[in-house]
PDB file of N, CA and C in Angstrom:
ATOM      1  N   MET A   1     -22.392 -38.387  -5.598  1.00  0.00           N
ATOM      2  CA  MET A   1     -23.117 -37.438  -4.452  1.00  0.00           C
ATOM      3  C   MET A   1     -22.343 -36.821  -3.652  1.00  0.00           C
ATOM      4  N   ASP A   2     -21.223 -37.834  -3.413  1.00  0.00           N
ATOM      5  CA  ASP A   2     -20.681 -37.646  -2.349  1.00  0.00           C
ATOM      6  C   ASP A   2     -19.519 -35.960  -2.675  1.00  0.00           C
ATOM      7  N   ASN A   3     -19.098 -35.960  -4.034  1.00  0.00           N
ATOM      8  CA  ASN A   3     -17.897 -35.287  -4.992  1.00  0.00           C
ATOM      9  C   ASN A   3     -18.640 -33.763  -5.394  1.00  0.00           C
ATOM     10  N   GLU A   4     -20.418 -34.516  -5.661  1.00  0.00           N
ATOM     11  CA  GLU A   4     -20.667 -32.164  -5.500  1.00  0.00           C
ATOM     12  C   GLU A   4     -20.903 -32.011  -3.687  1.00  0.00           C
ATOM     13  N   TYR A   5     -21.254 -33.302  -3.329  1.00  0.00           N
ATOM     14  CA  TYR A   5     -20.898 -32.349  -1.404  1.00  0.00           C
ATOM     15  C   TYR A   5     -20.182 -31.680  -1.276  1.00  0.00           C
ATOM     16  N   GLN A   6     -18.402 -32.006  -1.752  1.00  0.00           N
ATOM     17  CA  GLN A   6     -17.500 -32.173  -1.598  1.00  0.00           C
ATOM     18  C   GLN A   6     -17.104 -30.194  -2.155  1.00  0.00           C
ATOM     19  N   GLU A   7     -17.518 -30.105  -3.527  1.00  0.00           N
ATOM     20  CA  GLU A   7     -17.546 -28.969  -4.118  1.00  0.00           C
ATOM     21  C   GLU A   7     -18.080 -27.829  -3.748  1.00  0.00           C
ATOM     22  N   SER A   8     -19.363 -28.343  -3.195  1.00  0.00           N
ATOM     23  CA  SER A   8     -20.240 -26.703  -2.290  1.00  0.00           C
ATOM     24  C   SER A   8     -19.797 -26.699  -1.541  1.00  0.00           C
ATOM     25  N   LYS A   9     -18.665 -27.190  -0.561  1.00  0.00           N
ATOM     26  CA  LYS A   9     -18.013 -27.072   0.734  1.00  0.00           C
ATOM     27  C   LYS A   9     -16.409 -26.612   0.078  1.00  0.00           C
ATOM     28  N   GLU A  10     -16.112 -26.994  -0.817  1.00  0.00           N
ATOM     29  CA  GLU A  10     -15.006 -25.493  -1.255  1.00  0.00           C
ATOM     30  C   GLU A  10     -14.639 -24.488  -2.238  1.00  0.00           C
ATOM     31  N   LYS A  11     -16.614 -24.100  -2.617  1.00  0.00           N
ATOM     32  CA  LYS A  11     -16.818 -23.384  -3.580  1.00  0.00           C
ATOM     33  C   LYS A  11     -17.470 -22.060  -2.089  1.00  0.00           C
ATOM     34  N   ASP A  12     -17.995 -22.487  -1.211  1.00  0.00           N
ATOM     35  CA  ASP A  12     -18.355 -21.808   0.486  1.00  0.00           C
ATOM     36  C   ASP A  12     -16.815 -21.841   1.023  1.00  0.00           C
ATOM     37  N   LEU A  13     -15.648 -22.401   1.111  1.00  0.00           N
ATOM     38  CA  LEU A  13     -14.654 -22.107   1.623  1.00  0.00           C
ATOM     39  C   LEU A  13     -13.440 -20.751   0.902  1.00  0.00           C
ATOM     40  N   ASN A  14     -14.222 -20.878  -0.155  1.00  0.00           N
ATOM     41  CA  ASN A  14     -13.184 -20.108  -1.566  1.00  0.00           C
ATOM     42  C   ASN A  14     -13.982 -19.083  -1.034  1.00  0.00           C
ATOM     43  N   GLN A  15     -14.998 -18.900  -0.736  1.00  0.00           N
ATOM     44  CA  GLN A  15     -15.615 -17.394  -1.340  1.00  0.00           C
ATOM     45  C   GLN A  15     -15.492 -17.275   0.766  1.00  0.00           C
ATOM     46  N   GLN A  16     -15.553 -17.523   2.070  1.00  0.00           N
ATOM     47  CA  GLN A  16     -15.351 -16.744   2.634  1.00  0.00           C
ATOM     48  C   GLN A  16     -13.606 -16.371   2.705  1.00  0.00           C
ATOM     49  N   ASN A  17     -12.766 -16.885   1.846  1.00  0.00           N
ATOM     50  CA  ASN A  17     -11.403 -16.949   1.746  1.00  0.00           C
ATOM     51  C   ASN A  17     -11.072 -15.142   1.194  1.00  0.00           C
ATOM     52  N   GLU A  18     -11.821 -14.884   0.173  1.00  0.00           N
ATOM     53  CA  GLU A  18     -12.663 -13.915  -0.881  1.00  0.00           C
ATOM     54  C   GLU A  18     -12.587 -12.793   0.101  1.00  0.00           C
ATOM     55  N   SER A  19     -13.563 -13.462   0.945  1.00  0.00           N
ATOM     56  CA  SER A  19     -14.101 -12.386   2.112  1.00  0.00           C
ATOM     57  C   SER A  19     -13.148 -11.959   3.069  1.00  0.00           C
ATOM     58  N   ASN A  20     -12.157 -12.610   3.653  1.00  0.00           N
ATOM     59  CA  ASN A  20     -11.726 -12.073   4.090  1.00  0.00           C
ATOM     60  C   ASN A  20     -10.293 -11.769   4.483  1.00  0.00           C
ATOM     61  N   ASP A  21     -10.034 -11.723   2.739  1.00  0.00           N
ATOM     62  CA  ASP A  21      -8.725 -11.656   2.141  1.00  0.00           C
ATOM     63  C   ASP A  21      -9.373  -9.847   1.650  1.00  0.00           C
ATOM     64  N   GLU A  22     -10.068  -9.394   1.410  1.00  0.00           N
ATOM     65  CA  GLU A  22     -11.168  -7.961   1.081  1.00  0.00           C
ATOM     66  C   GLU A  22     -10.769  -7.106   2.884  1.00  0.00           C
ATOM     67  N   LYS A  23     -11.124  -7.964   3.424  1.00  0.00           N
ATOM     68  CA  LYS A  23     -11.727  -6.795   4.873  1.00  0.00           C
ATOM     69  C   LYS A  23     -10.293  -7.155   5.185  1.00  0.00           C
ATOM     70  N   GLU A  24      -9.259  -8.164   5.127  1.00  0.00           N
ATOM     71  CA  GLU A  24      -7.960  -7.732   5.489  1.00  0.00           C
ATOM     72  C   GLU A  24      -7.096  -6.600   5.043  1.00  0.00           C
ATOM     73  N   SER A  25      -7.042  -6.910   3.897  1.00  0.00           N
ATOM     74  CA  SER A  25      -6.692  -5.713   2.920  1.00  0.00           C
ATOM     75  C   SER A  25      -7.583  -4.548   3.196  1.00  0.00           C
ATOM     76  N   SER A  26      -8.597  -3.784   3.188  1.00  0.00           N
ATOM     77  CA  SER A  26      -9.230  -2.345   4.207  1.00  0.00           C
ATOM     78  C   SER A  26      -8.998  -1.951   5.658  1.00  0.00           C
ATOM     79  N   SER A  27      -7.799  -3.083   6.001  1.00  0.00           N
ATOM     80  CA  SER A  27      -8.412  -2.118   7.458  1.00  0.00           C
ATOM     81  C   SER A  27      -6.912  -1.872   8.013  1.00  0.00           C
ATOM     82  N   ASN A  28      -6.378  -2.065   6.968  1.00  0.00           N
ATOM     83  CA  ASN A  28      -5.250  -0.678   6.731  1.00  0.00           C
ATOM     84  C   ASN A  28      -5.368   0.660   6.550  1.00  0.00           C
ATOM     85  N   TYR A  29      -4.122   1.246   6.377  1.00  0.00           N
ATOM     86  CA  TYR A  29      -3.502   2.208   5.484  1.00  0.00           C
ATOM     87  C   TYR A  29      -2.952   2.482   5.055  1.00  0.00           C
ATOM     88  N   MET A  30      -3.023   1.505   3.944  1.00  0.00           N
ATOM     89  CA  MET A  30      -1.484   1.514   3.097  1.00  0.00           C
ATOM     90  C   MET A  30      -2.613   2.602   2.018  1.00  0.00           C
ATOM     91  N   ALA A  31      -3.466   2.616   1.251  1.00  0.00           N
ATOM     92  CA  ALA A  31      -3.812   3.647   0.368  1.00  0.00           C
ATOM     93  C   ALA A  31      -2.958   5.069   0.896  1.00  0.00           C
ATOM     94  N   MET A  32      -3.965   5.859   1.762  1.00  0.00           N
ATOM     95  CA  MET A  32      -3.468   6.690   2.477  1.00  0.00           C
ATOM     96  C   MET A  32      -1.867   7.143   2.705  1.00  0.00           C
ATOM     97  N   GLY A  33      -1.464   6.232   4.141  1.00  0.00           N
ATOM     98  CA  GLY A  33      -0.349   6.197   3.973  1.00  0.00           C
ATOM     99  C   GLY A  33       0.924   6.556   2.677  1.00  0.00           C
ATOM    100  N   MET A  34       0.835   5.140   1.179  1.00  0.00           N
ATOM    101  CA  MET A  34       1.221   5.245   0.554  1.00  0.00           C
ATOM    102  C   MET A  34       1.267   7.633  -0.709  1.00  0.00           C
ATOM    103  N   SER A  35       0.200   7.494  -0.623  1.00  0.00           N
ATOM    104  CA  SER A  35      -0.345   8.755  -1.121  1.00  0.00           C
ATOM    105  C   SER A  35       0.224  10.061  -0.118  1.00  0.00           C
ATOM    106  N   LEU A  36       0.689   9.524   0.617  1.00  0.00           N
ATOM    107  CA  LEU A  36       0.329  10.162   2.269  1.00  0.00           C
ATOM    108  C   LEU A  36       3.017  10.847   1.635  1.00  0.00           C
ATOM    109  N   GLY A  37       2.892   9.438   1.625  1.00  0.00           N
ATOM    110  CA  GLY A  37       4.363   9.196   1.252  1.00  0.00           C
ATOM    111  C   GLY A  37       4.638  10.172   0.220  1.00  0.00           C
ATOM    112  N   MET A  38       4.035  10.260  -0.414  1.00  0.00           N
ATOM    113  CA  MET A  38       4.412  10.379  -2.140  1.00  0.00           C
ATOM    114  C   MET A  38       4.915  11.956  -1.825  1.00  0.00           C
ATOM    115  N   CYS A  39       3.637  12.986  -1.499  1.00  0.00           N
ATOM    116  CA  CYS A  39       3.316  14.214  -1.153  1.00  0.00           C
ATOM    117  C   CYS A  39       4.608  14.426  -0.320  1.00  0.00           C
ATOM    118  N   PHE A  40       5.285  13.639   1.262  1.00  0.00           N
ATOM    119  CA  PHE A  40       5.417  14.541   1.361  1.00  0.00           C
ATOM    120  C   PHE A  40       6.489  14.503   0.680  1.00  0.00           C
ATOM    121  N   GLY A  41       7.385  13.216   0.503  1.00  0.00           N
ATOM    122  CA  GLY A  41       8.796  12.554  -0.707  1.00  0.00           C
ATOM    123  C   GLY A  41       8.666  13.541  -1.343  1.00  0.00           C
ATOM    124  N   MET A  42       8.244  14.029  -2.460  1.00  0.00           N
ATOM    125  CA  MET A  42       8.192  15.122  -3.558  1.00  0.00           C
ATOM    126  C   MET A  42       8.663  15.826  -2.742  1.00  0.00           C
ATOM    127  N   GLY A  43       8.076  16.941  -1.693  1.00  0.00           N
ATOM    128  CA  GLY A  43       8.406  18.407  -1.356  1.00  0.00           C
ATOM    129  C   GLY A  43       9.190  18.005   0.302  1.00  0.00           C
ATOM    130  N   LEU A  44      10.101  17.280   0.067  1.00  0.00           N
ATOM    131  CA  LEU A  44      11.113  17.211   0.572  1.00  0.00           C
ATOM    132  C   LEU A  44      12.500  16.925  -0.410  1.00  0.00           C
ATOM    133  N   GLY A  45      12.159  15.804  -0.945  1.00  0.00           N
ATOM    134  CA  GLY A  45      12.994  16.017  -2.070  1.00  0.00           C
ATOM    135  C   GLY A  45      13.290  16.678  -2.944  1.00  0.00           C
ATOM    136  N   MET A  46      12.041  18.099  -3.177  1.00  0.00           N
ATOM    137  CA  MET A  46      13.086  19.065  -4.461  1.00  0.00           C
ATOM    138  C   MET A  46      13.411  19.881  -3.180  1.00  0.00           C
ATOM    139  N   THR A  47      13.145  20.043  -2.287  1.00  0.00           N
ATOM    140  CA  THR A  47      14.353  20.731  -0.858  1.00  0.00           C
ATOM    141  C   THR A  47      15.711  20.351  -0.847  1.00  0.00           C
ATOM    142  N   ILE A  48      15.610  18.462  -1.451  1.00  0.00           N
ATOM    143  CA  ILE A  48      17.112  18.392  -1.038  1.00  0.00           C
ATOM    144  C   ILE A  48      17.432  18.687  -2.120  1.00  0.00           C
ATOM    145  N   GLY A  49      17.028  17.887  -2.915  1.00  0.00           N
ATOM    146  CA  GLY A  49      17.216  17.711  -5.103  1.00  0.00           C
ATOM    147  C   GLY A  49      18.193  19.302  -5.395  1.00  0.00           C
ATOM    148  N   GLN A  50      17.139  20.529  -4.811  1.00  0.00           N
ATOM    149  CA  GLN A  50      18.110  21.889  -5.490  1.00  0.00           C
ATOM    150  C   GLN A  50      19.493  22.107  -4.119  1.00  0.00           C
ATOM    151  N   MET A  51      18.797  21.017  -3.039  1.00  0.00           N
ATOM    152  CA  MET A  51      20.258  22.159  -2.343  1.00  0.00           C
ATOM    153  C   MET A  51      21.857  20.970  -2.822  1.00  0.00           C
ATOM    154  N   ILE A  52      21.123  20.044  -3.080  1.00  0.00           N
ATOM    155  CA  ILE A  52      22.554  18.563  -3.583  1.00  0.00           C
ATOM    156  C   ILE A  52      23.108  18.139  -4.277  1.00  0.00           C
ATOM    157  N   PHE A  53      21.899  18.180  -5.730  1.00  0.00           N
ATOM    158  CA  PHE A  53      22.070  17.754  -7.187  1.00  0.00           C
ATOM    159  C   PHE A  53      21.762  19.128  -7.882  1.00  0.00           C
ATOM    160  N   ASP A  54      21.239  20.111  -7.663  1.00  0.00           N
ATOM    161  CA  ASP A  54      20.594  21.341  -8.016  1.00  0.00           C
ATOM    162  C   ASP A  54      20.204  21.058  -9.248  1.00  0.00           C
ATOM    163  N   ASP A  55      19.245  20.217  -9.162  1.00  0.00           N
ATOM    164  CA  ASP A  55      18.272  19.536 -10.614  1.00  0.00           C
ATOM    165  C   ASP A  55      16.944  19.087  -9.355  1.00  0.00           C
ATOM    166  N   LEU A  56      15.941  20.004  -9.286  1.00  0.00           N
ATOM    167  CA  LEU A  56      14.132  19.816  -8.908  1.00  0.00           C
ATOM    168  C   LEU A  56      13.993  18.055  -8.753  1.00  0.00           C
ATOM    169  N   THR A  57      14.402  17.676 -10.416  1.00  0.00           N
ATOM    170  CA  THR A  57      13.375  16.783 -11.182  1.00  0.00           C
ATOM    171  C   THR A  57      14.027  15.076  -9.977  1.00  0.00           C
ATOM    172  N   THR A  58      15.560  14.923  -9.752  1.00  0.00           N
ATOM    173  CA  THR A  58      16.035  14.382  -9.296  1.00  0.00           C
ATOM    174  C   THR A  58      16.035  13.967  -7.843  1.00  0.00           C
ATOM    175  N   GLY A  59      15.625  15.304  -7.146  1.00  0.00           N
ATOM    176  CA  GLY A  59      15.009  15.307  -6.231  1.00  0.00           C
ATOM    177  C   GLY A  59      13.950  14.189  -6.026  1.00  0.00           C
ATOM    178  N   MET A  60      12.866  15.079  -6.487  1.00  0.00           N
ATOM    179  CA  MET A  60      12.061  14.840  -6.767  1.00  0.00           C
ATOM    180  C   MET A  60      11.118  13.112  -7.090  1.00  0.00           C
ATOM    181  N   THR A  61      12.133  12.683  -7.527  1.00  0.00           N
ATOM    182  CA  THR A  61      12.000  11.173  -8.003  1.00  0.00           C
ATOM    183  C   THR A  61      12.471  10.637  -6.901  1.00  0.00           C
ATOM    184  N   ILE A  62      13.407  10.548  -6.799  1.00  0.00           N
ATOM    185  CA  ILE A  62      14.155  10.150  -4.956  1.00  0.00           C
ATOM    186  C   ILE A  62      13.578  10.246  -3.826  1.00  0.00           C
ATOM    187  N   GLY A  63      13.007  11.257  -4.185  1.00  0.00           N
ATOM    188  CA  GLY A  63      11.906  11.259  -2.786  1.00  0.00           C
ATOM    189  C   GLY A  63      10.569  11.075  -2.961  1.00  0.00           C
ATOM    190  N   MET A  64      10.580  10.864  -4.139  1.00  0.00           N
ATOM    191  CA  MET A  64       9.027  10.161  -4.045  1.00  0.00           C
ATOM    192  C   MET A  64       8.809   9.023  -4.183  1.00  0.00           C
ATOM    193  N   SER A  65       9.902   8.034  -4.739  1.00  0.00           N
ATOM    194  CA  SER A  65      10.413   6.583  -3.824  1.00  0.00           C
ATOM    195  C   SER A  65      10.217   6.195  -2.596  1.00  0.00           C
ATOM    196  N   VAL A  66      11.048   7.747  -2.049  1.00  0.00           N
ATOM    197  CA  VAL A  66      11.886   6.714  -0.902  1.00  0.00           C
ATOM    198  C   VAL A  66      10.183   6.811   0.199  1.00  0.00           C
ATOM    199  N   GLY A  67       9.332   7.858   0.478  1.00  0.00           N
ATOM    200  CA  GLY A  67       8.154   8.193   0.566  1.00  0.00           C
ATOM    201  C   GLY A  67       7.421   7.748   0.578  1.00  0.00           C
ATOM    202  N   MET A  68       6.677   7.064  -0.774  1.00  0.00           N
ATOM    203  CA  MET A  68       5.999   6.061  -0.988  1.00  0.00           C
ATOM    204  C   MET A  68       6.153   4.119  -0.657  1.00  0.00           C
ATOM    205  N   CYS A  69       7.399   4.317  -0.233  1.00  0.00           N
ATOM    206  CA  CYS A  69       7.750   2.479   0.342  1.00  0.00           C
ATOM    207  C   CYS A  69       7.825   3.066   1.722  1.00  0.00           C
ATOM    208  N   LEU A  70       8.126   4.164   2.157  1.00  0.00           N
ATOM    209  CA  LEU A  70       8.330   4.033   4.047  1.00  0.00           C
ATOM    210  C   LEU A  70       6.570   4.542   3.996  1.00  0.00           C
ATOM    211  N   GLY A  71       5.764   5.183   2.860  1.00  0.00           N
ATOM    212  CA  GLY A  71       4.221   5.714   3.213  1.00  0.00           C
ATOM    213  C   GLY A  71       3.702   4.039   3.687  1.00  0.00           C
ATOM    214  N   LEU A  72       3.812   3.266   2.687  1.00  0.00           N
ATOM    215  CA  LEU A  72       3.493   1.752   2.317  1.00  0.00           C
ATOM    216  C   LEU A  72       3.693   0.910   3.434  1.00  0.00           C
ATOM    217  N   ALA A  73       4.893   0.945   4.222  1.00  0.00           N
ATOM    218  CA  ALA A  73       5.521   0.587   5.540  1.00  0.00           C
ATOM    219  C   ALA A  73       5.252   0.385   6.729  1.00  0.00           C
ATOM    220  N   ILE A  74       4.446   2.324   6.601  1.00  0.00           N
ATOM    221  CA  ILE A  74       3.827   2.839   7.328  1.00  0.00           C
ATOM    222  C   ILE A  74       2.271   2.414   8.383  1.00  0.00           C
ATOM    223  N   GLY A  75       1.559   2.579   6.484  1.00  0.00           N
ATOM    224  CA  GLY A  75      -0.177   2.277   6.575  1.00  0.00           C
ATOM    225  C   GLY A  75      -0.381   1.600   6.820  1.00  0.00           C
ATOM    226  N   THR A  76       0.833   0.015   6.439  1.00  0.00           N
ATOM    227  CA  THR A  76       0.597  -1.422   6.309  1.00  0.00           C
ATOM    228  C   THR A  76       0.867  -1.341   7.767  1.00  0.00           C
ATOM    229  N   SER A  77       1.582  -1.300   8.777  1.00  0.00           N
ATOM    230  CA  SER A  77       1.522  -1.578   9.857  1.00  0.00           C
ATOM    231  C   SER A  77       0.747  -0.774  10.930  1.00  0.00           C
ATOM    232  N   ILE A  78      -0.600   0.287  10.182  1.00  0.00           N
ATOM    233  CA  ILE A  78      -0.811   1.078  11.185  1.00  0.00           C
ATOM    234  C   ILE A  78      -2.520  -0.057  11.208  1.00  0.00           C
ATOM    235  N   LYS A  79      -3.208  -0.478  11.829  1.00  0.00           N
ATOM    236  CA  LYS A  79      -4.711  -1.120  11.789  1.00  0.00           C
ATOM    237  C   LYS A  79      -5.790  -0.345  11.828  1.00  0.00           C
ATOM    238  N   LYS A  80      -6.341  -0.125  11.789  1.00  0.00           N
ATOM    239  CA  LYS A  80      -7.817   0.139  11.156  1.00  0.00           C
ATOM    240  C   LYS A  80      -9.123  -0.446  12.841  1.00  0.00           C
ATOM    241  N   LYS A  81      -9.639   0.584  13.664  1.00  0.00           N
ATOM    242  CA  LYS A  81     -10.522  -0.243  14.056  1.00  0.00           C
ATOM    243  C   LYS A  81     -11.744  -0.704  13.985  1.00  0.00           C
TER     244      LYS A  81
END
């Protein structure tokens, strides 16, 4: 009987933890930051890539990678109200 009670308590705690994780992951602007970071990174990368490397694709790939990382960092740090 104690085992059944403990198992039901553990299930309840696991469900609460899962719902808290979902709330925490949706309470920031991570996805929006990554999307905007990739867009701005590609735009800047095309310009810089043409000036420095004389190749658009190299600049776009570098710019998109850097933009996505910066967008992830900035978007995660901003909390939704």
